Each structure stands twice: as structure tokens, then as C-alpha cells.
Amino acid sequence: MALVALVLTHNLVYLGAYGAAYEDVLVKTGHDEDWTIAVAVILALAIGLVLLAGWRVVRLWMEARSLRATGTMRRPDPAELLAGLGFTWLRLAAATGAAFLVQENLERTSIGQPLPGLGVFGSLAFPNALPILVAVTFAVALVGALFRWRIETLAARIAAARRVRWARPSHAARRSIPLAHRLAGSIHGRLSAGRAPPLLSTTH
């Protein structure tokens, strides 16, 4: 998630600052073919992870539906989702900001330009970098939090439905219990009927 946020933040900052000259500026500031390959790989991995997470949600939803688990557990409080989102957002923003700071300074070093330092978060060369960083990390964190929330909700419902199913005796088991008692009673009755009466003890 941090790598995806880094790529999106980086490209949006340069695109917003230089517009049509975006690609030329990237070349002049040390963004060579390695950067282009890295961006392509990261975006491909991000798409793959989103597809895998979506498939997992679908599979859990189908399993919950087959177990009729939709009503076995109340929907989690939205406050829990917001709390998880806030925690994820703060960590993601910190990690993405640190990566952006290091990357831009290393790129300037590789081509012999002065180090921008903390200026990467707000200067003429990096306009609106901080607001873009905040917005991008929030969007990425929101997607991740929604996936996590949905997966945990479905998993909890499936677990609750399985506990209910295991705790409840089956229909056949319920019918076999009184039948076993009747058979035992019948056998005991027949044995008692064919048995001779006990001898009375006598005293001399």
C-alpha cells in the first residue's frame, strides 16, 4: 500500500507541477528507465492484490450465503471501521512521506543537483506535494480498510454460523434419542416378563 501511494503521489505531484512537460522533467530530475519499470511493476502488483482481495470477498460471501450466515451476527459498528481507517491512514502517510523524501533526495544526488531536503513537501519544485500526499494516502487507506472490514465481517459471520450448526443436534439425532429409550425400555420389559419371580427367603 505504501509503494502504491508513493507512485501515485509522486506522479500526481509532477503532473500537477509541470503538466505537458511532465515526462521531460522526470528525465531531467533523475527518473530513468528503472523508475518507469518500478512504477509498472508496482501498479501491476497493486491491481493483482485488489483482484485477489475481491475474489476472497466473493468466496467468503458465497460461503456465508450457503451457510445462511447473513443474520447470525450484527454488522460491526461503523466507528470500528473509522478507527481502523484512521490508524491505517496515519501509518501509511508516515511511510509514504518518508519514502518520498528519501527518493527525491537520492534522485537529485544521482544527477549532481542540490538536495531539496524537506522542501519536497512544499516548494516551487514540488507544489502541493503535502496535500496530494494526504489525499492519496487517505484514498489508498480507505480501499484497504474497506476490504479488511468486509473480509473480517464475513469471516466472523461464517464462524458464528458454524458454531450454531455444531451446537445444534441434527434432526436424525433428535429422533434417535427417544427411539433408543423406547427400545431399551421394551427390551427390559420383555426380559423382566420372562424371568421367574424371586424366591422368598424363609427362616427356620
N, C-alpha and C. Protein backbone atom coordinates (compact mmCIF):
# COMPACT_ATOMS: atom_id res chain seq x y z
N MET A 1 0.82 -1.20 0.00
CA MET A 1 0.00 0.00 0.00
C MET A 1 0.86 1.26 0.00
N ALA A 2 1.97 1.22 0.74
CA ALA A 2 2.86 2.38 0.79
C ALA A 2 3.51 2.61 -0.58
N LEU A 3 3.89 1.54 -1.26
CA LEU A 3 4.51 1.69 -2.58
C LEU A 3 3.51 2.25 -3.60
N VAL A 4 2.29 1.77 -3.53
CA VAL A 4 1.25 2.29 -4.43
C VAL A 4 1.01 3.78 -4.14
N ALA A 5 0.91 4.12 -2.87
CA ALA A 5 0.70 5.52 -2.51
C ALA A 5 1.89 6.39 -2.94
N LEU A 6 3.09 5.84 -2.83
CA LEU A 6 4.28 6.59 -3.26
C LEU A 6 4.24 6.88 -4.75
N VAL A 7 3.95 5.87 -5.55
CA VAL A 7 3.90 6.06 -7.01
C VAL A 7 2.83 7.06 -7.39
N LEU A 8 1.65 6.93 -6.82
CA LEU A 8 0.56 7.86 -7.15
C LEU A 8 0.89 9.28 -6.72
N THR A 9 1.42 9.42 -5.50
CA THR A 9 1.78 10.75 -5.01
C THR A 9 2.85 11.38 -5.89
N HIS A 10 3.88 10.63 -6.18
CA HIS A 10 4.98 11.13 -6.99
C HIS A 10 4.50 11.62 -8.35
N ASN A 11 3.74 10.79 -9.04
CA ASN A 11 3.30 11.16 -10.40
C ASN A 11 2.32 12.31 -10.39
N LEU A 12 1.44 12.35 -9.40
CA LEU A 12 0.48 13.46 -9.33
C LEU A 12 1.17 14.78 -9.00
N VAL A 13 2.19 14.73 -8.15
CA VAL A 13 2.93 15.96 -7.82
C VAL A 13 3.60 16.52 -9.07
N TYR A 14 4.27 15.68 -9.82
CA TYR A 14 4.97 16.15 -11.02
C TYR A 14 3.98 16.54 -12.12
N LEU A 15 2.90 15.78 -12.23
CA LEU A 15 1.91 16.10 -13.26
C LEU A 15 1.24 17.43 -12.97
N GLY A 16 0.91 17.67 -11.70
CA GLY A 16 0.30 18.94 -11.34
C GLY A 16 1.25 20.12 -11.45
N ALA A 17 2.53 19.89 -11.26
CA ALA A 17 3.51 20.98 -11.29
C ALA A 17 3.94 21.33 -12.71
N TYR A 18 4.05 20.33 -13.59
CA TYR A 18 4.66 20.58 -14.90
C TYR A 18 3.74 20.28 -16.08
N GLY A 19 2.61 19.68 -15.85
CA GLY A 19 1.64 19.49 -16.91
C GLY A 19 2.18 18.70 -18.09
N ALA A 20 2.13 19.32 -19.28
CA ALA A 20 2.55 18.65 -20.51
C ALA A 20 4.04 18.32 -20.51
N ALA A 21 4.83 19.09 -19.74
CA ALA A 21 6.28 18.85 -19.69
C ALA A 21 6.64 17.79 -18.63
N TYR A 22 5.67 17.08 -18.18
CA TYR A 22 5.83 16.11 -17.09
C TYR A 22 6.94 15.09 -17.39
N GLU A 23 6.89 14.46 -18.54
CA GLU A 23 7.87 13.41 -18.86
C GLU A 23 9.27 13.98 -19.02
N ASP A 24 9.40 15.15 -19.65
CA ASP A 24 10.72 15.75 -19.82
C ASP A 24 11.35 16.10 -18.47
N VAL A 25 10.54 16.60 -17.56
CA VAL A 25 11.06 16.95 -16.23
C VAL A 25 11.50 15.71 -15.48
N LEU A 26 10.77 14.62 -15.64
CA LEU A 26 11.16 13.39 -14.98
C LEU A 26 12.55 12.94 -15.44
N VAL A 27 12.80 13.03 -16.71
CA VAL A 27 14.10 12.62 -17.25
C VAL A 27 15.20 13.53 -16.70
N LYS A 28 14.94 14.82 -16.62
CA LYS A 28 15.95 15.77 -16.18
C LYS A 28 16.22 15.71 -14.68
N THR A 29 15.31 15.10 -13.94
CA THR A 29 15.47 15.04 -12.48
C THR A 29 15.86 13.65 -11.99
N GLY A 30 16.40 12.84 -12.86
CA GLY A 30 16.95 11.56 -12.44
C GLY A 30 16.01 10.39 -12.50
N HIS A 31 14.84 10.56 -13.12
CA HIS A 31 13.88 9.45 -13.23
C HIS A 31 14.14 8.72 -14.54
N ASP A 32 14.97 7.69 -14.46
CA ASP A 32 15.36 6.99 -15.68
C ASP A 32 14.42 5.81 -15.94
N GLU A 33 14.89 4.88 -16.76
CA GLU A 33 14.06 3.73 -17.12
C GLU A 33 13.78 2.83 -15.91
N ASP A 34 14.69 2.81 -14.96
CA ASP A 34 14.46 2.00 -13.77
C ASP A 34 13.21 2.46 -13.02
N TRP A 35 13.02 3.77 -12.97
CA TRP A 35 11.83 4.30 -12.31
C TRP A 35 10.57 3.89 -13.08
N THR A 36 10.62 3.97 -14.40
CA THR A 36 9.46 3.57 -15.20
C THR A 36 9.11 2.10 -14.99
N ILE A 37 10.14 1.25 -14.95
CA ILE A 37 9.91 -0.18 -14.72
C ILE A 37 9.33 -0.41 -13.32
N ALA A 38 9.89 0.30 -12.34
CA ALA A 38 9.40 0.15 -10.97
C ALA A 38 7.93 0.55 -10.86
N VAL A 39 7.57 1.63 -11.51
CA VAL A 39 6.17 2.07 -11.49
C VAL A 39 5.27 1.02 -12.11
N ALA A 40 5.67 0.48 -13.25
CA ALA A 40 4.86 -0.55 -13.93
C ALA A 40 4.70 -1.79 -13.06
N VAL A 41 5.77 -2.21 -12.41
CA VAL A 41 5.71 -3.40 -11.57
C VAL A 41 4.81 -3.17 -10.36
N ILE A 42 4.96 -2.03 -9.72
CA ILE A 42 4.16 -1.72 -8.52
C ILE A 42 2.69 -1.64 -8.86
N LEU A 43 2.36 -0.97 -9.95
CA LEU A 43 0.95 -0.86 -10.33
C LEU A 43 0.37 -2.23 -10.71
N ALA A 44 1.16 -3.05 -11.37
CA ALA A 44 0.69 -4.40 -11.72
C ALA A 44 0.43 -5.23 -10.46
N LEU A 45 1.34 -5.13 -9.49
CA LEU A 45 1.15 -5.85 -8.23
C LEU A 45 -0.08 -5.32 -7.49
N ALA A 46 -0.28 -4.01 -7.53
CA ALA A 46 -1.44 -3.43 -6.86
C ALA A 46 -2.75 -3.94 -7.47
N ILE A 47 -2.80 -3.98 -8.79
CA ILE A 47 -4.00 -4.49 -9.46
C ILE A 47 -4.22 -5.95 -9.11
N GLY A 48 -3.13 -6.73 -9.09
CA GLY A 48 -3.25 -8.14 -8.73
C GLY A 48 -3.76 -8.33 -7.31
N LEU A 49 -3.27 -7.54 -6.36
CA LEU A 49 -3.71 -7.65 -4.98
C LEU A 49 -5.17 -7.26 -4.82
N VAL A 50 -5.59 -6.24 -5.55
CA VAL A 50 -7.00 -5.84 -5.48
C VAL A 50 -7.90 -6.95 -6.03
N LEU A 51 -7.48 -7.56 -7.12
CA LEU A 51 -8.26 -8.66 -7.69
C LEU A 51 -8.32 -9.85 -6.73
N LEU A 52 -7.19 -10.18 -6.10
CA LEU A 52 -7.18 -11.29 -5.15
C LEU A 52 -8.07 -10.99 -3.94
N ALA A 53 -8.00 -9.76 -3.44
CA ALA A 53 -8.84 -9.40 -2.31
C ALA A 53 -10.32 -9.44 -2.69
N GLY A 54 -10.63 -8.97 -3.90
CA GLY A 54 -12.01 -9.04 -4.37
C GLY A 54 -12.51 -10.46 -4.50
N TRP A 55 -11.66 -11.34 -5.02
CA TRP A 55 -12.03 -12.75 -5.14
C TRP A 55 -12.25 -13.39 -3.77
N ARG A 56 -11.42 -13.00 -2.80
CA ARG A 56 -11.61 -13.55 -1.45
C ARG A 56 -12.93 -13.08 -0.86
N VAL A 57 -13.29 -11.84 -1.09
CA VAL A 57 -14.58 -11.34 -0.61
C VAL A 57 -15.73 -12.12 -1.24
N VAL A 58 -15.64 -12.37 -2.55
CA VAL A 58 -16.69 -13.12 -3.24
C VAL A 58 -16.81 -14.53 -2.68
N ARG A 59 -15.67 -15.19 -2.47
CA ARG A 59 -15.70 -16.56 -1.94
C ARG A 59 -16.30 -16.60 -0.54
N LEU A 60 -15.91 -15.66 0.31
CA LEU A 60 -16.47 -15.62 1.66
C LEU A 60 -17.96 -15.32 1.63
N TRP A 61 -18.37 -14.44 0.73
CA TRP A 61 -19.79 -14.11 0.62
C TRP A 61 -20.59 -15.33 0.18
N MET A 62 -20.06 -16.09 -0.78
CA MET A 62 -20.74 -17.30 -1.24
C MET A 62 -20.83 -18.34 -0.13
N GLU A 63 -19.76 -18.47 0.67
CA GLU A 63 -19.78 -19.42 1.77
C GLU A 63 -20.77 -18.99 2.84
N ALA A 64 -20.80 -17.70 3.15
CA ALA A 64 -21.75 -17.19 4.13
C ALA A 64 -23.18 -17.40 3.65
N ARG A 65 -23.40 -17.23 2.36
CA ARG A 65 -24.74 -17.43 1.82
C ARG A 65 -25.15 -18.90 1.89
N SER A 66 -24.20 -19.79 1.61
CA SER A 66 -24.52 -21.22 1.66
C SER A 66 -24.81 -21.67 3.09
N LEU A 67 -24.18 -21.02 4.07
CA LEU A 67 -24.44 -21.34 5.48
C LEU A 67 -25.60 -20.55 6.05
N ARG A 68 -26.17 -19.67 5.22
CA ARG A 68 -27.24 -18.78 5.68
C ARG A 68 -26.79 -18.00 6.90
N ALA A 69 -25.59 -17.44 6.76
CA ALA A 69 -24.97 -16.75 7.90
C ALA A 69 -25.20 -15.26 7.87
N THR A 70 -26.07 -14.77 6.99
CA THR A 70 -26.23 -13.32 6.87
C THR A 70 -26.84 -12.69 8.11
N GLY A 71 -27.60 -13.47 8.86
CA GLY A 71 -28.25 -12.90 10.03
C GLY A 71 -27.72 -13.41 11.35
N THR A 72 -26.62 -14.09 11.34
CA THR A 72 -26.10 -14.70 12.56
C THR A 72 -25.27 -13.74 13.40
N MET A 73 -24.97 -12.57 12.86
CA MET A 73 -24.13 -11.64 13.60
C MET A 73 -24.44 -10.23 13.14
N ARG A 74 -24.52 -9.31 14.09
CA ARG A 74 -24.81 -7.94 13.72
C ARG A 74 -23.65 -7.33 12.95
N ARG A 75 -23.98 -6.39 12.11
CA ARG A 75 -22.94 -5.71 11.34
C ARG A 75 -22.07 -4.88 12.28
N PRO A 76 -20.74 -4.91 12.10
CA PRO A 76 -19.87 -4.16 13.01
C PRO A 76 -20.20 -2.67 13.02
N ASP A 77 -19.93 -2.06 14.13
CA ASP A 77 -20.16 -0.63 14.28
C ASP A 77 -19.28 0.14 13.30
N PRO A 78 -19.86 1.07 12.51
CA PRO A 78 -19.03 1.88 11.59
C PRO A 78 -17.90 2.60 12.30
N ALA A 79 -18.06 2.85 13.60
CA ALA A 79 -16.97 3.51 14.34
C ALA A 79 -15.72 2.65 14.34
N GLU A 80 -15.89 1.32 14.32
CA GLU A 80 -14.73 0.43 14.26
C GLU A 80 -14.00 0.59 12.93
N LEU A 81 -14.80 0.72 11.86
CA LEU A 81 -14.19 0.94 10.54
C LEU A 81 -13.43 2.26 10.51
N LEU A 82 -14.02 3.31 11.06
CA LEU A 82 -13.36 4.62 11.06
C LEU A 82 -12.09 4.60 11.90
N ALA A 83 -12.14 3.88 13.02
CA ALA A 83 -10.94 3.79 13.86
C ALA A 83 -9.82 3.05 13.13
N GLY A 84 -10.16 1.95 12.48
CA GLY A 84 -9.16 1.22 11.71
C GLY A 84 -8.63 2.04 10.54
N LEU A 85 -9.52 2.80 9.91
CA LEU A 85 -9.10 3.65 8.80
C LEU A 85 -8.13 4.72 9.27
N GLY A 86 -8.44 5.35 10.40
CA GLY A 86 -7.56 6.40 10.91
C GLY A 86 -6.17 5.88 11.24
N PHE A 87 -6.11 4.72 11.88
CA PHE A 87 -4.81 4.13 12.25
C PHE A 87 -4.02 3.77 10.99
N THR A 88 -4.69 3.15 10.02
CA THR A 88 -4.02 2.78 8.77
C THR A 88 -3.55 4.00 8.02
N TRP A 89 -4.37 5.03 7.98
CA TRP A 89 -4.02 6.26 7.26
C TRP A 89 -2.78 6.91 7.85
N LEU A 90 -2.72 7.01 9.17
CA LEU A 90 -1.56 7.65 9.80
C LEU A 90 -0.27 6.88 9.48
N ARG A 91 -0.31 5.57 9.61
CA ARG A 91 0.89 4.77 9.31
C ARG A 91 1.27 4.87 7.84
N LEU A 92 0.27 4.83 6.98
CA LEU A 92 0.54 4.88 5.54
C LEU A 92 1.09 6.25 5.14
N ALA A 93 0.53 7.31 5.70
CA ALA A 93 1.02 8.65 5.38
C ALA A 93 2.47 8.83 5.84
N ALA A 94 2.79 8.31 7.03
CA ALA A 94 4.16 8.42 7.53
C ALA A 94 5.14 7.64 6.66
N ALA A 95 4.76 6.40 6.30
CA ALA A 95 5.65 5.57 5.48
C ALA A 95 5.82 6.15 4.08
N THR A 96 4.73 6.62 3.49
CA THR A 96 4.81 7.18 2.14
C THR A 96 5.60 8.49 2.14
N GLY A 97 5.38 9.32 3.14
CA GLY A 97 6.13 10.57 3.23
C GLY A 97 7.62 10.34 3.37
N ALA A 98 7.99 9.37 4.21
CA ALA A 98 9.42 9.06 4.39
C ALA A 98 10.02 8.53 3.09
N ALA A 99 9.30 7.67 2.40
CA ALA A 99 9.81 7.12 1.13
C ALA A 99 9.94 8.21 0.07
N PHE A 100 8.97 9.10 0.02
CA PHE A 100 9.03 10.20 -0.96
C PHE A 100 10.21 11.13 -0.67
N LEU A 101 10.44 11.41 0.59
CA LEU A 101 11.56 12.27 0.98
C LEU A 101 12.89 11.65 0.58
N VAL A 102 13.08 10.39 0.90
CA VAL A 102 14.34 9.72 0.59
C VAL A 102 14.54 9.59 -0.91
N GLN A 103 13.48 9.22 -1.62
CA GLN A 103 13.60 9.01 -3.06
C GLN A 103 14.00 10.29 -3.79
N GLU A 104 13.31 11.38 -3.51
CA GLU A 104 13.59 12.63 -4.23
C GLU A 104 14.99 13.15 -3.92
N ASN A 105 15.44 12.99 -2.70
CA ASN A 105 16.80 13.45 -2.38
C ASN A 105 17.86 12.57 -3.04
N LEU A 106 17.62 11.25 -3.08
CA LEU A 106 18.57 10.36 -3.75
C LEU A 106 18.62 10.63 -5.25
N GLU A 107 17.48 10.91 -5.85
CA GLU A 107 17.46 11.19 -7.28
C GLU A 107 18.23 12.46 -7.61
N ARG A 108 18.09 13.48 -6.78
CA ARG A 108 18.84 14.71 -7.03
C ARG A 108 20.34 14.48 -6.83
N THR A 109 20.69 13.64 -5.87
CA THR A 109 22.10 13.32 -5.64
C THR A 109 22.70 12.59 -6.83
N SER A 110 21.95 11.71 -7.45
CA SER A 110 22.47 10.92 -8.56
C SER A 110 22.79 11.75 -9.79
N ILE A 111 22.15 12.92 -9.93
CA ILE A 111 22.43 13.77 -11.10
C ILE A 111 23.20 15.03 -10.70
N GLY A 112 23.66 15.10 -9.47
CA GLY A 112 24.50 16.21 -9.03
C GLY A 112 23.76 17.48 -8.71
N GLN A 113 22.47 17.44 -8.48
CA GLN A 113 21.71 18.63 -8.12
C GLN A 113 21.68 18.81 -6.61
N PRO A 114 21.42 20.03 -6.13
CA PRO A 114 21.34 20.26 -4.68
C PRO A 114 20.19 19.45 -4.07
N LEU A 115 20.40 19.03 -2.85
CA LEU A 115 19.36 18.26 -2.17
C LEU A 115 18.20 19.16 -1.77
N PRO A 116 16.97 18.78 -2.07
CA PRO A 116 15.83 19.60 -1.68
C PRO A 116 15.47 19.47 -0.21
N GLY A 117 15.92 18.38 0.43
CA GLY A 117 15.60 18.20 1.85
C GLY A 117 14.10 18.10 2.07
N LEU A 118 13.63 18.75 3.13
CA LEU A 118 12.20 18.74 3.43
C LEU A 118 11.39 19.59 2.46
N GLY A 119 12.09 20.28 1.55
CA GLY A 119 11.40 21.07 0.55
C GLY A 119 10.56 20.24 -0.40
N VAL A 120 10.73 18.93 -0.39
CA VAL A 120 9.91 18.08 -1.26
C VAL A 120 8.44 18.13 -0.85
N PHE A 121 8.15 18.60 0.38
CA PHE A 121 6.77 18.68 0.84
C PHE A 121 6.15 20.05 0.64
N GLY A 122 6.87 20.94 0.01
CA GLY A 122 6.27 22.24 -0.24
C GLY A 122 7.30 23.26 -0.72
N SER A 123 7.49 23.35 -2.03
CA SER A 123 8.40 24.31 -2.61
C SER A 123 7.96 24.55 -4.05
N LEU A 124 8.67 25.45 -4.76
CA LEU A 124 8.30 25.71 -6.14
C LEU A 124 8.50 24.48 -7.02
N ALA A 125 9.47 23.64 -6.69
CA ALA A 125 9.71 22.44 -7.48
C ALA A 125 8.73 21.32 -7.15
N PHE A 126 8.12 21.40 -5.96
CA PHE A 126 7.16 20.37 -5.54
C PHE A 126 5.89 21.05 -5.00
N PRO A 127 5.15 21.73 -5.85
CA PRO A 127 3.96 22.42 -5.34
C PRO A 127 2.85 21.44 -4.95
N ASN A 128 2.18 21.77 -3.86
CA ASN A 128 1.04 20.97 -3.38
C ASN A 128 1.41 19.52 -3.08
N ALA A 129 2.67 19.25 -2.79
CA ALA A 129 3.07 17.87 -2.53
C ALA A 129 2.42 17.33 -1.27
N LEU A 130 2.36 18.14 -0.22
CA LEU A 130 1.81 17.66 1.04
C LEU A 130 0.31 17.38 0.94
N PRO A 131 -0.51 18.31 0.38
CA PRO A 131 -1.94 17.98 0.22
C PRO A 131 -2.18 16.75 -0.66
N ILE A 132 -1.37 16.61 -1.70
CA ILE A 132 -1.52 15.42 -2.57
C ILE A 132 -1.17 14.16 -1.81
N LEU A 133 -0.12 14.22 -1.00
CA LEU A 133 0.27 13.07 -0.19
C LEU A 133 -0.85 12.68 0.77
N VAL A 134 -1.44 13.66 1.41
CA VAL A 134 -2.52 13.39 2.37
C VAL A 134 -3.72 12.77 1.66
N ALA A 135 -4.10 13.33 0.51
CA ALA A 135 -5.28 12.83 -0.20
C ALA A 135 -5.05 11.42 -0.75
N VAL A 136 -3.89 11.19 -1.32
CA VAL A 136 -3.60 9.88 -1.92
C VAL A 136 -3.55 8.80 -0.84
N THR A 137 -2.85 9.07 0.25
CA THR A 137 -2.75 8.06 1.31
C THR A 137 -4.12 7.78 1.94
N PHE A 138 -4.95 8.79 2.03
CA PHE A 138 -6.30 8.57 2.56
C PHE A 138 -7.09 7.64 1.64
N ALA A 139 -7.02 7.89 0.33
CA ALA A 139 -7.75 7.05 -0.63
C ALA A 139 -7.27 5.61 -0.59
N VAL A 140 -5.96 5.41 -0.56
CA VAL A 140 -5.42 4.06 -0.53
C VAL A 140 -5.77 3.36 0.79
N ALA A 141 -5.67 4.11 1.90
CA ALA A 141 -6.02 3.53 3.20
C ALA A 141 -7.50 3.17 3.26
N LEU A 142 -8.34 3.98 2.64
CA LEU A 142 -9.78 3.70 2.64
C LEU A 142 -10.09 2.41 1.90
N VAL A 143 -9.46 2.21 0.76
CA VAL A 143 -9.67 0.98 0.00
C VAL A 143 -9.23 -0.23 0.82
N GLY A 144 -8.04 -0.13 1.42
CA GLY A 144 -7.55 -1.24 2.23
C GLY A 144 -8.42 -1.51 3.44
N ALA A 145 -8.89 -0.46 4.11
CA ALA A 145 -9.73 -0.63 5.30
C ALA A 145 -11.07 -1.24 4.94
N LEU A 146 -11.65 -0.85 3.81
CA LEU A 146 -12.93 -1.42 3.39
C LEU A 146 -12.80 -2.90 3.08
N PHE A 147 -11.74 -3.28 2.38
CA PHE A 147 -11.52 -4.70 2.09
C PHE A 147 -11.35 -5.49 3.40
N ARG A 148 -10.52 -4.97 4.30
CA ARG A 148 -10.26 -5.67 5.55
C ARG A 148 -11.55 -5.79 6.37
N TRP A 149 -12.32 -4.72 6.43
CA TRP A 149 -13.57 -4.71 7.20
C TRP A 149 -14.56 -5.72 6.64
N ARG A 150 -14.69 -5.76 5.31
CA ARG A 150 -15.63 -6.70 4.70
C ARG A 150 -15.19 -8.15 4.91
N ILE A 151 -13.91 -8.41 4.76
CA ILE A 151 -13.40 -9.77 4.94
C ILE A 151 -13.59 -10.23 6.39
N GLU A 152 -13.26 -9.37 7.35
CA GLU A 152 -13.42 -9.74 8.75
C GLU A 152 -14.89 -9.94 9.11
N THR A 153 -15.78 -9.12 8.53
CA THR A 153 -17.21 -9.27 8.80
C THR A 153 -17.73 -10.61 8.31
N LEU A 154 -17.39 -10.96 7.07
CA LEU A 154 -17.85 -12.23 6.51
C LEU A 154 -17.25 -13.41 7.26
N ALA A 155 -15.97 -13.32 7.59
CA ALA A 155 -15.32 -14.42 8.32
C ALA A 155 -15.98 -14.62 9.69
N ALA A 156 -16.33 -13.53 10.37
CA ALA A 156 -16.99 -13.63 11.68
C ALA A 156 -18.37 -14.25 11.55
N ARG A 157 -19.10 -13.89 10.51
CA ARG A 157 -20.43 -14.46 10.32
C ARG A 157 -20.36 -15.95 10.01
N ILE A 158 -19.39 -16.33 9.20
CA ILE A 158 -19.23 -17.75 8.88
C ILE A 158 -18.87 -18.54 10.13
N ALA A 159 -17.96 -18.01 10.94
CA ALA A 159 -17.58 -18.70 12.18
C ALA A 159 -18.77 -18.82 13.12
N ALA A 160 -19.60 -17.77 13.23
CA ALA A 160 -20.77 -17.82 14.10
C ALA A 160 -21.78 -18.85 13.60
N ALA A 161 -21.98 -18.89 12.28
CA ALA A 161 -22.91 -19.87 11.72
C ALA A 161 -22.44 -21.29 11.94
N ARG A 162 -21.14 -21.52 11.85
CA ARG A 162 -20.62 -22.87 12.09
C ARG A 162 -20.77 -23.27 13.55
N ARG A 163 -20.56 -22.34 14.47
CA ARG A 163 -20.73 -22.66 15.88
C ARG A 163 -22.18 -23.03 16.19
N VAL A 164 -23.12 -22.30 15.59
CA VAL A 164 -24.53 -22.61 15.80
C VAL A 164 -24.86 -23.98 15.23
N ARG A 165 -24.33 -24.27 14.06
CA ARG A 165 -24.62 -25.56 13.42
C ARG A 165 -24.04 -26.71 14.22
N TRP A 166 -22.84 -26.55 14.76
CA TRP A 166 -22.21 -27.63 15.54
C TRP A 166 -22.90 -27.82 16.89
N ALA A 167 -23.39 -26.73 17.47
CA ALA A 167 -24.02 -26.82 18.78
C ALA A 167 -25.42 -27.41 18.70
N ARG A 168 -26.08 -27.32 17.57
CA ARG A 168 -27.45 -27.81 17.43
C ARG A 168 -27.44 -29.25 16.95
N PRO A 169 -28.08 -30.22 17.68
CA PRO A 169 -28.11 -31.61 17.21
C PRO A 169 -28.93 -31.73 15.95
N SER A 170 -28.54 -32.66 15.12
CA SER A 170 -29.23 -32.85 13.86
C SER A 170 -30.61 -33.43 14.09
N HIS A 171 -31.47 -33.37 13.05
CA HIS A 171 -32.83 -33.88 13.13
C HIS A 171 -32.83 -35.39 13.37
N ALA A 172 -31.93 -36.09 12.69
CA ALA A 172 -31.85 -37.54 12.86
C ALA A 172 -31.40 -37.90 14.27
N ALA A 173 -30.47 -37.12 14.81
CA ALA A 173 -30.00 -37.40 16.17
C ALA A 173 -31.10 -37.19 17.19
N ARG A 174 -31.93 -36.11 16.99
CA ARG A 174 -33.02 -35.85 17.91
C ARG A 174 -34.05 -36.97 17.87
N ARG A 175 -34.31 -37.55 16.69
CA ARG A 175 -35.27 -38.63 16.57
C ARG A 175 -34.73 -39.94 17.14
N SER A 176 -33.40 -40.13 17.05
CA SER A 176 -32.83 -41.40 17.51
C SER A 176 -32.80 -41.50 19.02
N ILE A 177 -32.76 -40.36 19.73
CA ILE A 177 -32.67 -40.41 21.19
C ILE A 177 -33.92 -41.04 21.82
N PRO A 178 -35.15 -40.56 21.55
CA PRO A 178 -36.31 -41.22 22.15
C PRO A 178 -36.50 -42.63 21.64
N LEU A 179 -36.12 -42.90 20.38
CA LEU A 179 -36.24 -44.25 19.85
C LEU A 179 -35.36 -45.21 20.64
N ALA A 180 -34.15 -44.79 20.97
CA ALA A 180 -33.25 -45.63 21.75
C ALA A 180 -33.82 -45.90 23.14
N HIS A 181 -34.45 -44.87 23.75
CA HIS A 181 -35.07 -45.07 25.05
C HIS A 181 -36.22 -46.06 24.98
N ARG A 182 -37.02 -45.96 23.92
CA ARG A 182 -38.15 -46.88 23.77
C ARG A 182 -37.66 -48.31 23.58
N LEU A 183 -36.63 -48.48 22.74
CA LEU A 183 -36.10 -49.82 22.52
C LEU A 183 -35.53 -50.40 23.80
N ALA A 184 -34.78 -49.60 24.53
CA ALA A 184 -34.21 -50.09 25.78
C ALA A 184 -35.30 -50.48 26.77
N GLY A 185 -36.36 -49.67 26.85
CA GLY A 185 -37.47 -49.97 27.75
C GLY A 185 -38.20 -51.24 27.35
N SER A 186 -38.38 -51.40 26.02
CA SER A 186 -39.08 -52.59 25.53
C SER A 186 -38.28 -53.85 25.82
N ILE A 187 -36.97 -53.82 25.57
CA ILE A 187 -36.13 -54.98 25.84
C ILE A 187 -36.12 -55.31 27.33
N HIS A 188 -36.03 -54.28 28.14
CA HIS A 188 -36.02 -54.50 29.59
C HIS A 188 -37.34 -55.11 30.05
N GLY A 189 -38.45 -54.68 29.46
CA GLY A 189 -39.76 -55.21 29.82
C GLY A 189 -39.89 -56.67 29.46
N ARG A 190 -39.43 -57.03 28.26
CA ARG A 190 -39.53 -58.42 27.82
C ARG A 190 -38.68 -59.32 28.71
N LEU A 191 -37.50 -58.88 29.06
CA LEU A 191 -36.64 -59.69 29.92
C LEU A 191 -37.26 -59.86 31.30
N SER A 192 -37.88 -58.82 31.81
CA SER A 192 -38.49 -58.91 33.13
C SER A 192 -39.70 -59.82 33.12
N ALA A 193 -40.45 -59.82 31.98
CA ALA A 193 -41.66 -60.66 31.89
C ALA A 193 -41.31 -62.14 31.88
N GLY A 194 -40.21 -62.51 31.26
CA GLY A 194 -39.86 -63.92 31.17
C GLY A 194 -39.05 -64.43 32.32
N ARG A 195 -38.80 -63.61 33.29
CA ARG A 195 -37.95 -64.01 34.41
C ARG A 195 -38.83 -64.53 35.54
N ALA A 196 -38.44 -65.62 36.21
CA ALA A 196 -39.21 -66.18 37.31
C ALA A 196 -39.23 -65.25 38.50
N PRO A 197 -40.35 -65.28 39.27
CA PRO A 197 -40.40 -64.38 40.43
C PRO A 197 -39.36 -64.77 41.47
N PRO A 198 -38.85 -63.85 42.17
CA PRO A 198 -37.79 -64.16 43.14
C PRO A 198 -38.32 -65.01 44.28
N LEU A 199 -37.49 -65.92 44.80
CA LEU A 199 -37.86 -66.80 45.91
C LEU A 199 -37.85 -66.01 47.20
N LEU A 200 -38.90 -66.29 48.01
CA LEU A 200 -38.95 -65.60 49.28
C LEU A 200 -38.06 -66.32 50.28
N SER A 201 -37.29 -65.60 50.97
CA SER A 201 -36.42 -66.22 51.96
C SER A 201 -37.22 -66.64 53.18
N THR A 202 -36.90 -67.81 53.75
CA THR A 202 -37.61 -68.32 54.95
C THR A 202 -36.64 -68.48 56.09
N THR A 203 -37.14 -68.35 57.21
CA THR A 203 -36.30 -68.52 58.41
C THR A 203 -36.74 -69.74 59.13
N HIS A 204 -35.85 -70.51 59.72
CA HIS A 204 -36.13 -71.73 60.46
C HIS A 204 -35.87 -71.47 61.92
